PDB file of N, CA and C in Angstrom:
ATOM      1  N   MET A   1     129.644  98.091 113.951  1.00  0.00           N
ATOM      2  CA  MET A   1     128.886  97.291 114.883  1.00  0.00           C
ATOM      3  C   MET A   1     129.774  96.793 116.031  1.00  0.00           C
ATOM      4  N   LYS A   2     131.039  96.570 115.696  1.00  0.00           N
ATOM      5  CA  LYS A   2     131.980  96.099 116.707  1.00  0.00           C
ATOM      6  C   LYS A   2     132.152  97.158 117.801  1.00  0.00           C
ATOM      7  N   ASN A   3     132.234  98.420 117.402  1.00  0.00           N
ATOM      8  CA  ASN A   3     132.393  99.500 118.376  1.00  0.00           C
ATOM      9  C   ASN A   3     131.149  99.652 119.243  1.00  0.00           C
ATOM     10  N   VAL A   4     129.981  99.457 118.650  1.00  0.00           N
ATOM     11  CA  VAL A   4     128.738  99.558 119.418  1.00  0.00           C
ATOM     12  C   VAL A   4     128.697  98.477 120.491  1.00  0.00           C
ATOM     13  N   LYS A   5     129.105  97.273 120.144  1.00  0.00           N
ATOM     14  CA  LYS A   5     129.145  96.184 121.125  1.00  0.00           C
ATOM     15  C   LYS A   5     130.139  96.490 122.239  1.00  0.00           C
ATOM     16  N   ARG A   6     131.272  97.071 121.866  1.00  0.00           N
ATOM     17  CA  ARG A   6     132.268  97.416 122.878  1.00  0.00           C
ATOM     18  C   ARG A   6     131.751  98.491 123.815  1.00  0.00           C
ATOM     19  N   LEU A   7     131.053  99.477 123.268  1.00  0.00           N
ATOM     20  CA  LEU A   7     130.545 100.568 124.093  1.00  0.00           C
ATOM     21  C   LEU A   7     129.313 100.165 124.887  1.00  0.00           C
ATOM     22  N   TRP A   8     128.552  99.184 124.408  1.00  0.00           N
ATOM     23  CA  TRP A   8     127.313  98.810 125.085  1.00  0.00           C
ATOM     24  C   TRP A   8     127.574  98.327 126.513  1.00  0.00           C
ATOM     25  N   LYS A   9     128.745  97.714 126.735  1.00  0.00           N
ATOM     26  CA  LYS A   9     129.012  97.223 128.087  1.00  0.00           C
ATOM     27  C   LYS A   9     129.095  98.369 129.094  1.00  0.00           C
ATOM     28  N   TYR A  10     129.380  99.574 128.624  1.00  0.00           N
ATOM     29  CA  TYR A  10     129.431 100.722 129.520  1.00  0.00           C
ATOM     30  C   TYR A  10     128.044 101.318 129.754  1.00  0.00           C
ATOM     31  N   PHE A  11     127.128 101.096 128.819  1.00  0.00           N
ATOM     32  CA  PHE A  11     125.783 101.650 128.951  1.00  0.00           C
ATOM     33  C   PHE A  11     124.774 100.664 129.528  1.00  0.00           C
ATOM     34  N   LYS A  12     125.100  99.383 129.532  1.00  0.00           N
ATOM     35  CA  LYS A  12     124.107  98.385 129.951  1.00  0.00           C
ATOM     36  C   LYS A  12     123.734  98.506 131.423  1.00  0.00           C
ATOM     37  N   ASP A  13     124.605  99.057 132.242  1.00  0.00           N
ATOM     38  CA  ASP A  13     124.263  99.282 133.650  1.00  0.00           C
ATOM     39  C   ASP A  13     123.199 100.365 133.808  1.00  0.00           C
ATOM     40  N   ASN A  14     123.045 101.187 132.809  1.00  0.00           N
ATOM     41  CA  ASN A  14     122.126 102.320 132.874  1.00  0.00           C
ATOM     42  C   ASN A  14     120.921 102.137 131.956  1.00  0.00           C
ATOM     43  N   LYS A  15     120.537 100.913 131.699  1.00  0.00           N
ATOM     44  CA  LYS A  15     119.401 100.658 130.800  1.00  0.00           C
ATOM     45  C   LYS A  15     118.127 101.333 131.299  1.00  0.00           C
ATOM     46  N   LEU A  16     117.907 101.315 132.596  1.00  0.00           N
ATOM     47  CA  LEU A  16     116.702 101.920 133.156  1.00  0.00           C
ATOM     48  C   LEU A  16     116.683 103.428 132.903  1.00  0.00           C
ATOM     49  N   PHE A  17     117.825 104.080 133.079  1.00  0.00           N
ATOM     50  CA  PHE A  17     117.894 105.523 132.859  1.00  0.00           C
ATOM     51  C   PHE A  17     117.698 105.868 131.384  1.00  0.00           C
ATOM     52  N   ILE A  18     118.261 105.055 130.505  1.00  0.00           N
ATOM     53  CA  ILE A  18     118.088 105.283 129.072  1.00  0.00           C
ATOM     54  C   ILE A  18     116.638 105.068 128.674  1.00  0.00           C
ATOM     55  N   LEU A  19     115.998 104.051 129.243  1.00  0.00           N
ATOM     56  CA  LEU A  19     114.587 103.796 128.969  1.00  0.00           C
ATOM     57  C   LEU A  19     113.718 104.950 129.453  1.00  0.00           C
ATOM     58  N   MET A  20     114.016 105.461 130.639  1.00  0.00           N
ATOM     59  CA  MET A  20     113.250 106.598 131.155  1.00  0.00           C
ATOM     60  C   MET A  20     113.445 107.832 130.275  1.00  0.00           C
ATOM     61  N   ALA A  21     114.643 108.030 129.763  1.00  0.00           N
ATOM     62  CA  ALA A  21     114.890 109.156 128.862  1.00  0.00           C
ATOM     63  C   ALA A  21     114.108 108.977 127.559  1.00  0.00           C
ATOM     64  N   LEU A  22     114.036 107.756 127.054  1.00  0.00           N
ATOM     65  CA  LEU A  22     113.260 107.507 125.835  1.00  0.00           C
ATOM     66  C   LEU A  22     111.764 107.723 126.065  1.00  0.00           C
ATOM     67  N   LEU A  23     111.268 107.302 127.223  1.00  0.00           N
ATOM     68  CA  LEU A  23     109.856 107.534 127.547  1.00  0.00           C
ATOM     69  C   LEU A  23     109.571 109.030 127.683  1.00  0.00           C
ATOM     70  N   ALA A  24     110.465 109.755 128.321  1.00  0.00           N
ATOM     71  CA  ALA A  24     110.302 111.204 128.433  1.00  0.00           C
ATOM     72  C   ALA A  24     110.351 111.856 127.058  1.00  0.00           C
ATOM     73  N   SER A  25     111.176 111.329 126.169  1.00  0.00           N
ATOM     74  CA  SER A  25     111.232 111.843 124.801  1.00  0.00           C
ATOM     75  C   SER A  25     109.907 111.630 124.081  1.00  0.00           C
ATOM     76  N   ALA A  26     109.263 110.491 124.332  1.00  0.00           N
ATOM     77  CA  ALA A  26     107.952 110.233 123.737  1.00  0.00           C
ATOM     78  C   ALA A  26     106.912 111.218 124.273  1.00  0.00           C
ATOM     79  N   VAL A  27     106.998 111.549 125.547  1.00  0.00           N
ATOM     80  CA  VAL A  27     106.072 112.533 126.126  1.00  0.00           C
ATOM     81  C   VAL A  27     106.308 113.901 125.510  1.00  0.00           C
ATOM     82  N   VAL A  28     107.562 114.269 125.309  1.00  0.00           N
ATOM     83  CA  VAL A  28     107.877 115.547 124.671  1.00  0.00           C
ATOM     84  C   VAL A  28     107.284 115.586 123.260  1.00  0.00           C
ATOM     85  N   SER A  29     107.430 114.499 122.528  1.00  0.00           N
ATOM     86  CA  SER A  29     106.875 114.442 121.171  1.00  0.00           C
ATOM     87  C   SER A  29     105.355 114.542 121.199  1.00  0.00           C
ATOM     88  N   ALA A  30     104.728 113.870 122.151  1.00  0.00           N
ATOM     89  CA  ALA A  30     103.263 113.917 122.247  1.00  0.00           C
ATOM     90  C   ALA A  30     102.778 115.323 122.597  1.00  0.00           C
ATOM     91  N   THR A  31     103.466 115.987 123.488  1.00  0.00           N
ATOM     92  CA  THR A  31     103.045 117.344 123.840  1.00  0.00           C
ATOM     93  C   THR A  31     103.310 118.324 122.704  1.00  0.00           C
ATOM     94  N   ASP A  32     104.343 118.090 121.908  1.00  0.00           N
ATOM     95  CA  ASP A  32     104.550 118.926 120.715  1.00  0.00           C
ATOM     96  C   ASP A  32     103.372 118.800 119.761  1.00  0.00           C
ATOM     97  N   GLY A  33     102.924 117.572 119.550  1.00  0.00           N
ATOM     98  CA  GLY A  33     101.776 117.349 118.675  1.00  0.00           C
ATOM     99  C   GLY A  33     100.500 117.944 119.252  1.00  0.00           C
ATOM    100  N   ALA A  34     100.306 117.809 120.562  1.00  0.00           N
ATOM    101  CA  ALA A  34      99.111 118.371 121.208  1.00  0.00           C
ATOM    102  C   ALA A  34      99.109 119.884 121.116  1.00  0.00           C
ATOM    103  N   THR A  35     100.260 120.494 121.280  1.00  0.00           N
ATOM    104  CA  THR A  35     100.358 121.945 121.168  1.00  0.00           C
ATOM    105  C   THR A  35     100.018 122.401 119.752  1.00  0.00           C
ATOM    106  N   ALA A  36     100.551 121.703 118.770  1.00  0.00           N
ATOM    107  CA  ALA A  36     100.251 122.062 117.376  1.00  0.00           C
ATOM    108  C   ALA A  36      98.763 121.906 117.081  1.00  0.00           C
ATOM    109  N   TYR A  37      98.164 120.851 117.596  1.00  0.00           N
ATOM    110  CA  TYR A  37      96.729 120.615 117.381  1.00  0.00           C
ATOM    111  C   TYR A  37      95.892 121.726 118.031  1.00  0.00           C
ATOM    112  N   LEU A  38      96.242 122.109 119.256  1.00  0.00           N
ATOM    113  CA  LEU A  38      95.499 123.168 119.937  1.00  0.00           C
ATOM    114  C   LEU A  38      95.679 124.514 119.248  1.00  0.00           C
ATOM    115  N   VAL A  39      96.885 124.814 118.845  1.00  0.00           N
ATOM    116  CA  VAL A  39      97.140 126.089 118.171  1.00  0.00           C
ATOM    117  C   VAL A  39      96.389 126.139 116.840  1.00  0.00           C
ATOM    118  N   LYS A  40      96.303 125.033 116.143  1.00  0.00           N
ATOM    119  CA  LYS A  40      95.542 124.984 114.887  1.00  0.00           C
ATOM    120  C   LYS A  40      94.082 125.322 115.155  1.00  0.00           C
ATOM    121  N   ASP A  41      93.490 124.689 116.183  1.00  0.00           N
ATOM    122  CA  ASP A  41      92.098 124.980 116.521  1.00  0.00           C
ATOM    123  C   ASP A  41      91.913 126.437 116.924  1.00  0.00           C
ATOM    124  N   ILE A  42      92.848 126.948 117.684  1.00  0.00           N
ATOM    125  CA  ILE A  42      92.746 128.345 118.122  1.00  0.00           C
ATOM    126  C   ILE A  42      92.798 129.283 116.924  1.00  0.00           C
ATOM    127  N   LEU A  43      93.754 129.053 116.050  1.00  0.00           N
ATOM    128  CA  LEU A  43      93.875 129.930 114.881  1.00  0.00           C
ATOM    129  C   LEU A  43      92.669 129.822 113.957  1.00  0.00           C
ATOM    130  N   ASP A  44      92.208 128.604 113.720  1.00  0.00           N
ATOM    131  CA  ASP A  44      91.093 128.415 112.796  1.00  0.00           C
ATOM    132  C   ASP A  44      89.779 128.936 113.356  1.00  0.00           C
ATOM    133  N   GLU A  45      89.460 128.571 114.576  1.00  0.00           N
ATOM    134  CA  GLU A  45      88.142 128.895 115.126  1.00  0.00           C
ATOM    135  C   GLU A  45      88.056 130.295 115.720  1.00  0.00           C
ATOM    136  N   ILE A  46      89.058 130.708 116.432  1.00  0.00           N
ATOM    137  CA  ILE A  46      88.961 131.985 117.146  1.00  0.00           C
ATOM    138  C   ILE A  46      89.318 133.153 116.241  1.00  0.00           C
ATOM    139  N   PHE A  47      90.447 133.062 115.562  1.00  0.00           N
ATOM    140  CA  PHE A  47      90.902 134.218 114.797  1.00  0.00           C
ATOM    141  C   PHE A  47      90.330 134.271 113.385  1.00  0.00           C
ATOM    142  N   ILE A  48      90.234 133.141 112.724  1.00  0.00           N
ATOM    143  CA  ILE A  48      89.756 133.148 111.341  1.00  0.00           C
ATOM    144  C   ILE A  48      88.229 133.169 111.293  1.00  0.00           C
ATOM    145  N   ALA A  49      87.572 132.268 112.042  1.00  0.00           N
ATOM    146  CA  ALA A  49      86.107 132.183 112.019  1.00  0.00           C
ATOM    147  C   ALA A  49      85.467 133.174 112.994  1.00  0.00           C
ATOM    148  N   LYS A  50      86.253 133.878 113.772  1.00  0.00           N
ATOM    149  CA  LYS A  50      85.770 134.874 114.744  1.00  0.00           C
ATOM    150  C   LYS A  50      84.766 134.264 115.726  1.00  0.00           C
ATOM    151  N   ASN A  51      85.011 133.038 116.140  1.00  0.00           N
ATOM    152  CA  ASN A  51      84.137 132.325 117.066  1.00  0.00           C
ATOM    153  C   ASN A  51      84.648 132.534 118.489  1.00  0.00           C
ATOM    154  N   LYS A  52      84.028 133.468 119.213  1.00  0.00           N
ATOM    155  CA  LYS A  52      84.480 133.798 120.567  1.00  0.00           C
ATOM    156  C   LYS A  52      84.106 132.723 121.579  1.00  0.00           C
ATOM    157  N   ASP A  53      83.164 131.868 121.242  1.00  0.00           N
ATOM    158  CA  ASP A  53      82.776 130.792 122.159  1.00  0.00           C
ATOM    159  C   ASP A  53      83.889 129.763 122.344  1.00  0.00           C
ATOM    160  N   MET A  54      84.778 129.650 121.376  1.00  0.00           N
ATOM    161  CA  MET A  54      85.896 128.704 121.483  1.00  0.00           C
ATOM    162  C   MET A  54      86.867 129.100 122.596  1.00  0.00           C
ATOM    163  N   LEU A  55      86.870 130.391 122.953  1.00  0.00           N
ATOM    164  CA  LEU A  55      87.737 130.819 124.045  1.00  0.00           C
ATOM    165  C   LEU A  55      87.342 130.148 125.355  1.00  0.00           C
ATOM    166  N   ARG A  56      86.063 129.855 125.495  1.00  0.00           N
ATOM    167  CA  ARG A  56      85.597 129.185 126.703  1.00  0.00           C
ATOM    168  C   ARG A  56      85.861 127.686 126.647  1.00  0.00           C
ATOM    169  N   LEU A  57      85.911 127.113 125.458  1.00  0.00           N
ATOM    170  CA  LEU A  57      86.150 125.684 125.321  1.00  0.00           C
ATOM    171  C   LEU A  57      87.618 125.302 125.520  1.00  0.00           C
ATOM    172  N   ILE A  58      88.504 126.146 125.041  1.00  0.00           N
ATOM    173  CA  ILE A  58      89.945 125.888 125.170  1.00  0.00           C
ATOM    174  C   ILE A  58      90.530 126.963 126.085  1.00  0.00           C
ATOM    175  N   PRO A  59      90.480 126.725 127.379  1.00  0.00           N
ATOM    176  CA  PRO A  59      91.027 127.734 128.283  1.00  0.00           C
ATOM    177  C   PRO A  59      92.547 127.796 128.166  1.00  0.00           C
ATOM    178  N   PRO A  60      93.093 128.955 128.404  1.00  0.00           N
ATOM    179  CA  PRO A  60      94.558 129.100 128.322  1.00  0.00           C
ATOM    180  C   PRO A  60      95.299 128.191 129.300  1.00  0.00           C
ATOM    181  N   ILE A  61      94.638 127.785 130.373  1.00  0.00           N
ATOM    182  CA  ILE A  61      95.308 126.924 131.348  1.00  0.00           C
ATOM    183  C   ILE A  61      95.691 125.582 130.736  1.00  0.00           C
ATOM    184  N   VAL A  62      94.925 125.110 129.742  1.00  0.00           N
ATOM    185  CA  VAL A  62      95.246 123.839 129.084  1.00  0.00           C
ATOM    186  C   VAL A  62      96.586 123.941 128.368  1.00  0.00           C
ATOM    187  N   ILE A  63      96.788 125.034 127.688  1.00  0.00           N
ATOM    188  CA  ILE A  63      98.059 125.239 126.974  1.00  0.00           C
ATOM    189  C   ILE A  63      99.209 125.368 127.971  1.00  0.00           C
ATOM    190  N   ILE A  64      98.974 126.060 129.068  1.00  0.00           N
ATOM    191  CA  ILE A  64     100.015 126.212 130.086  1.00  0.00           C
ATOM    192  C   ILE A  64     100.361 124.854 130.700  1.00  0.00           C
ATOM    193  N   VAL A  65      99.354 124.028 130.960  1.00  0.00           N
ATOM    194  CA  VAL A  65      99.597 122.695 131.519  1.00  0.00           C
ATOM    195  C   VAL A  65     100.387 121.839 130.534  1.00  0.00           C
ATOM    196  N   ILE A  66     100.038 121.904 129.259  1.00  0.00           N
ATOM    197  CA  ILE A  66     100.767 121.125 128.249  1.00  0.00           C
ATOM    198  C   ILE A  66     102.229 121.561 128.191  1.00  0.00           C
ATOM    199  N   TYR A  67     102.465 122.879 128.227  1.00  0.00           N
ATOM    200  CA  TYR A  67     103.847 123.361 128.225  1.00  0.00           C
ATOM    201  C   TYR A  67     104.581 122.942 129.501  1.00  0.00           C
ATOM    202  N   GLY A  68     103.877 122.905 130.635  1.00  0.00           N
ATOM    203  CA  GLY A  68     104.495 122.448 131.876  1.00  0.00           C
ATOM    204  C   GLY A  68     104.889 120.980 131.813  1.00  0.00           C
ATOM    205  N   ILE A  69     104.006 120.162 131.248  1.00  0.00           N
ATOM    206  CA  ILE A  69     104.317 118.738 131.083  1.00  0.00           C
ATOM    207  C   ILE A  69     105.512 118.567 130.157  1.00  0.00           C
ATOM    208  N   ARG A  70     105.535 119.335 129.076  1.00  0.00           N
ATOM    209  CA  ARG A  70     106.657 119.235 128.134  1.00  0.00           C
ATOM    210  C   ARG A  70     107.959 119.667 128.801  1.00  0.00           C
ATOM    211  N   LEU A  71     107.895 120.727 129.593  1.00  0.00           N
ATOM    212  CA  LEU A  71     109.085 121.198 130.301  1.00  0.00           C
ATOM    213  C   LEU A  71     109.620 120.124 131.240  1.00  0.00           C
ATOM    214  N   ALA A  72     108.744 119.509 132.016  1.00  0.00           N
ATOM    215  CA  ALA A  72     109.166 118.462 132.944  1.00  0.00           C
ATOM    216  C   ALA A  72     109.735 117.257 132.192  1.00  0.00           C
ATOM    217  N   ALA A  73     109.087 116.869 131.099  1.00  0.00           N
ATOM    218  CA  ALA A  73     109.563 115.719 130.321  1.00  0.00           C
ATOM    219  C   ALA A  73     110.926 116.004 129.687  1.00  0.00           C
ATOM    220  N   ARG A  74     111.130 117.217 129.214  1.00  0.00           N
ATOM    221  CA  ARG A  74     112.449 117.562 128.636  1.00  0.00           C
ATOM    222  C   ARG A  74     113.537 117.537 129.699  1.00  0.00           C
ATOM    223  N   PHE A  75     113.196 118.013 130.887  1.00  0.00           N
ATOM    224  CA  PHE A  75     114.175 117.976 131.974  1.00  0.00           C
ATOM    225  C   PHE A  75     114.539 116.529 132.307  1.00  0.00           C
ATOM    226  N   ILE A  76     113.527 115.677 132.452  1.00  0.00           N
ATOM    227  CA  ILE A  76     113.762 114.264 132.773  1.00  0.00           C
ATOM    228  C   ILE A  76     114.580 113.600 131.679  1.00  0.00           C
ATOM    229  N   GLN A  77     114.234 113.884 130.426  1.00  0.00           N
ATOM    230  CA  GLN A  77     114.969 113.316 129.290  1.00  0.00           C
ATOM    231  C   GLN A  77     116.431 113.734 129.337  1.00  0.00           C
ATOM    232  N   SER A  78     116.665 115.006 129.488  1.00  0.00           N
ATOM    233  CA  SER A  78     118.029 115.527 129.494  1.00  0.00           C
ATOM    234  C   SER A  78     118.822 114.995 130.693  1.00  0.00           C
ATOM    235  N   TYR A  79     118.205 114.988 131.856  1.00  0.00           N
ATOM    236  CA  TYR A  79     118.889 114.553 133.069  1.00  0.00           C
ATOM    237  C   TYR A  79     119.321 113.092 132.968  1.00  0.00           C
ATOM    238  N   PHE A  80     118.399 112.226 132.592  1.00  0.00           N
ATOM    239  CA  PHE A  80     118.710 110.799 132.593  1.00  0.00           C
ATOM    240  C   PHE A  80     119.686 110.415 131.485  1.00  0.00           C
ATOM    241  N   ILE A  81     119.587 111.041 130.315  1.00  0.00           N
ATOM    242  CA  ILE A  81     120.523 110.690 129.248  1.00  0.00           C
ATOM    243  C   ILE A  81     121.927 111.216 129.582  1.00  0.00           C
ATOM    244  N   GLN A  82     121.990 112.392 130.225  1.00  0.00           N
ATOM    245  CA  GLN A  82     123.296 112.906 130.648  1.00  0.00           C
ATOM    246  C   GLN A  82     123.890 112.056 131.762  1.00  0.00           C
ATOM    247  N   PHE A  83     123.042 111.607 132.685  1.00  0.00           N
ATOM    248  CA  PHE A  83     123.511 110.742 133.766  1.00  0.00           C
ATOM    249  C   PHE A  83     124.114 109.462 133.198  1.00  0.00           C
ATOM    250  N   ALA A  84     123.415 108.837 132.262  1.00  0.00           N
ATOM    251  CA  ALA A  84     123.910 107.602 131.649  1.00  0.00           C
ATOM    252  C   ALA A  84     125.215 107.856 130.895  1.00  0.00           C
ATOM    253  N   GLY A  85     125.286 108.963 130.185  1.00  0.00           N
ATOM    254  CA  GLY A  85     126.504 109.291 129.438  1.00  0.00           C
ATOM    255  C   GLY A  85     127.696 109.551 130.340  1.00  0.00           C
ATOM    256  N   HIS A  86     127.475 110.321 131.400  1.00  0.00           N
ATOM    257  CA  HIS A  86     128.572 110.603 132.334  1.00  0.00           C
ATOM    258  C   HIS A  86     129.029 109.331 133.053  1.00  0.00           C
ATOM    259  N   HIS A  87     128.079 108.491 133.394  1.00  0.00           N
ATOM    260  CA  HIS A  87     128.435 107.233 134.057  1.00  0.00           C
ATOM    261  C   HIS A  87     129.251 106.343 133.114  1.00  0.00           C
ATOM    262  N   ALA A  88     128.878 106.304 131.851  1.00  0.00           N
ATOM    263  CA  ALA A  88     129.624 105.508 130.872  1.00  0.00           C
ATOM    264  C   ALA A  88     131.038 106.057 130.695  1.00  0.00           C
ATOM    265  N   VAL A  89     131.174 107.370 130.591  1.00  0.00           N
ATOM    266  CA  VAL A  89     132.503 107.979 130.441  1.00  0.00           C
ATOM    267  C   VAL A  89     133.356 107.695 131.672  1.00  0.00           C
ATOM    268  N   GLN A  90     132.744 107.751 132.843  1.00  0.00           N
ATOM    269  CA  GLN A  90     133.473 107.438 134.073  1.00  0.00           C
ATOM    270  C   GLN A  90     133.992 106.001 134.052  1.00  0.00           C
ATOM    271  N   ASN A  91     133.177 105.072 133.601  1.00  0.00           N
ATOM    272  CA  ASN A  91     133.610 103.671 133.535  1.00  0.00           C
ATOM    273  C   ASN A  91     134.685 103.456 132.476  1.00  0.00           C
ATOM    274  N   ILE A  92     134.585 104.149 131.354  1.00  0.00           N
ATOM    275  CA  ILE A  92     135.620 104.048 130.312  1.00  0.00           C
ATOM    276  C   ILE A  92     136.955 104.553 130.854  1.00  0.00           C
ATOM    277  N   ARG A  93     136.924 105.682 131.541  1.00  0.00           N
ATOM    278  CA  ARG A  93     138.156 106.234 132.111  1.00  0.00           C
ATOM    279  C   ARG A  93     138.753 105.292 133.159  1.00  0.00           C
ATOM    280  N   LYS A  94     137.882 104.698 133.973  1.00  0.00           N
ATOM    281  CA  LYS A  94     138.356 103.767 135.001  1.00  0.00           C
ATOM    282  C   LYS A  94     139.019 102.558 134.353  1.00  0.00           C
ATOM    283  N   ASP A  95     138.392 102.004 133.315  1.00  0.00           N
ATOM    284  CA  ASP A  95     138.983 100.851 132.628  1.00  0.00           C
ATOM    285  C   ASP A  95     140.301 101.211 131.952  1.00  0.00           C
ATOM    286  N   LEU A  96     140.364 102.378 131.352  1.00  0.00           N
ATOM    287  CA  LEU A  96     141.603 102.822 130.710  1.00  0.00           C
ATOM    288  C   LEU A  96     142.714 103.001 131.741  1.00  0.00           C
ATOM    289  N   TYR A  97     142.353 103.574 132.883  1.00  0.00           N
ATOM    290  CA  TYR A  97     143.341 103.758 133.953  1.00  0.00           C
ATOM    291  C   TYR A  97     143.883 102.413 134.425  1.00  0.00           C
ATOM    292  N   HIS A  98     142.975 101.457 134.654  1.00  0.00           N
ATOM    293  CA  HIS A  98     143.423 100.131 135.111  1.00  0.00           C
ATOM    294  C   HIS A  98     144.277  99.434 134.058  1.00  0.00           C
ATOM    295  N   LYS A  99     143.940  99.622 132.807  1.00  0.00           N
ATOM    296  CA  LYS A  99     144.747  99.008 131.743  1.00  0.00           C
ATOM    297  C   LYS A  99     146.147  99.623 131.721  1.00  0.00           C
ATOM    298  N   MET A 100     146.214 100.943 131.825  1.00  0.00           N
ATOM    299  CA  MET A 100     147.518 101.605 131.733  1.00  0.00           C
ATOM    300  C   MET A 100     148.362 101.352 132.983  1.00  0.00           C
ATOM    301  N   ILE A 101     147.731 101.205 134.125  1.00  0.00           N
ATOM    302  CA  ILE A 101     148.467 100.934 135.362  1.00  0.00           C
ATOM    303  C   ILE A 101     149.128  99.563 135.328  1.00  0.00           C
ATOM    304  N   HIS A 102     148.480  98.595 134.685  1.00  0.00           N
ATOM    305  CA  HIS A 102     148.993  97.230 134.682  1.00  0.00           C
ATOM    306  C   HIS A 102     149.910  96.913 133.495  1.00  0.00           C
ATOM    307  N   LEU A 103     150.222  97.912 132.681  1.00  0.00           N
ATOM    308  CA  LEU A 103     151.173  97.688 131.586  1.00  0.00           C
ATOM    309  C   LEU A 103     152.588  97.586 132.167  1.00  0.00           C
ATOM    310  N   PRO A 104     153.447  96.815 131.523  1.00  0.00           N
ATOM    311  CA  PRO A 104     154.829  96.707 132.033  1.00  0.00           C
ATOM    312  C   PRO A 104     155.577  98.030 131.847  1.00  0.00           C
ATOM    313  N   MET A 105     156.578  98.256 132.674  1.00  0.00           N
ATOM    314  CA  MET A 105     157.359  99.497 132.613  1.00  0.00           C
ATOM    315  C   MET A 105     158.055  99.660 131.266  1.00  0.00           C
ATOM    316  N   GLY A 106     158.422  98.563 130.642  1.00  0.00           N
ATOM    317  CA  GLY A 106     159.075  98.639 129.336  1.00  0.00           C
ATOM    318  C   GLY A 106     158.187  99.295 128.281  1.00  0.00           C
ATOM    319  N   TYR A 107     156.898  99.142 128.428  1.00  0.00           N
ATOM    320  CA  TYR A 107     155.962  99.767 127.482  1.00  0.00           C
ATOM    321  C   TYR A 107     156.112 101.289 127.521  1.00  0.00           C
ATOM    322  N   TYR A 108     156.274 101.822 128.709  1.00  0.00           N
ATOM    323  CA  TYR A 108     156.401 103.277 128.847  1.00  0.00           C
ATOM    324  C   TYR A 108     157.764 103.769 128.379  1.00  0.00           C
ATOM    325  N   ASP A 109     158.777 102.918 128.460  1.00  0.00           N
ATOM    326  CA  ASP A 109     160.102 103.287 127.966  1.00  0.00           C
ATOM    327  C   ASP A 109     160.118 103.342 126.442  1.00  0.00           C
ATOM    328  N   LYS A 110     159.385 102.436 125.788  1.00  0.00           N
ATOM    329  CA  LYS A 110     159.397 102.343 124.325  1.00  0.00           C
ATOM    330  C   LYS A 110     158.488 103.359 123.664  1.00  0.00           C
ATOM    331  N   ASN A 111     157.436 103.804 124.318  1.00  0.00           N
ATOM    332  CA  ASN A 111     156.445 104.666 123.678  1.00  0.00           C
ATOM    333  C   ASN A 111     156.477 106.084 124.269  1.00  0.00           C
ATOM    334  N   ASP A 112     156.321 107.040 123.385  1.00  0.00           N
ATOM    335  CA  ASP A 112     156.246 108.427 123.815  1.00  0.00           C
ATOM    336  C   ASP A 112     154.890 108.701 124.473  1.00  0.00           C
ATOM    337  N   THR A 113     154.876 109.667 125.359  1.00  0.00           N
ATOM    338  CA  THR A 113     153.628 110.033 126.047  1.00  0.00           C
ATOM    339  C   THR A 113     152.573 110.510 125.050  1.00  0.00           C
ATOM    340  N   GLY A 114     153.001 111.299 124.078  1.00  0.00           N
ATOM    341  CA  GLY A 114     152.061 111.794 123.074  1.00  0.00           C
ATOM    342  C   GLY A 114     151.438 110.680 122.244  1.00  0.00           C
ATOM    343  N   ALA A 115     152.228 109.678 121.912  1.00  0.00           N
ATOM    344  CA  ALA A 115     151.711 108.543 121.150  1.00  0.00           C
ATOM    345  C   ALA A 115     150.713 107.743 121.980  1.00  0.00           C
ATOM    346  N   MET A 116     151.005 107.586 123.280  1.00  0.00           N
ATOM    347  CA  MET A 116     150.060 106.869 124.139  1.00  0.00           C
ATOM    348  C   MET A 116     148.767 107.640 124.319  1.00  0.00           C
ATOM    349  N   MET A 117     148.853 108.930 124.436  1.00  0.00           N
ATOM    350  CA  MET A 117     147.648 109.754 124.609  1.00  0.00           C
ATOM    351  C   MET A 117     146.798 109.720 123.337  1.00  0.00           C
ATOM    352  N   HIS A 118     147.446 109.714 122.199  1.00  0.00           N
ATOM    353  CA  HIS A 118     146.716 109.684 120.925  1.00  0.00           C
ATOM    354  C   HIS A 118     146.072 108.333 120.689  1.00  0.00           C
ATOM    355  N   ALA A 119     146.759 107.264 121.047  1.00  0.00           N
ATOM    356  CA  ALA A 119     146.238 105.928 120.832  1.00  0.00           C
ATOM    357  C   ALA A 119     145.100 105.619 121.813  1.00  0.00           C
ATOM    358  N   SER A 120     145.096 106.248 122.954  1.00  0.00           N
ATOM    359  CA  SER A 120     144.056 106.003 123.960  1.00  0.00           C
ATOM    360  C   SER A 120     142.801 106.627 123.480  1.00  0.00           C
TER     361      SER A 120
END
């Protein structure tokens, strides 16, 4: 929990982007369920019951639109979560750089470069 609190300060600037990614994730989940529901109806009514009238009730454009919505939501989800992650990594690197720049010169004399890289 201590590490989560430490890392949260890097993500809190991007709360809006994380929220948008979560909302897009909910849309992706909803379209997955809608696709499964439509495919179930198609398989049951059209192929099993041989009901050709169902082809007129569920036009293929509905399935294409659902897949388009899912595609857009996945893109938004991926984009915003990656943006927040990259921004957090950038801030972590900036803080690490400032910390290492302000260390006394004696610190660098006493510690090996490999040990500092591993500890960072």
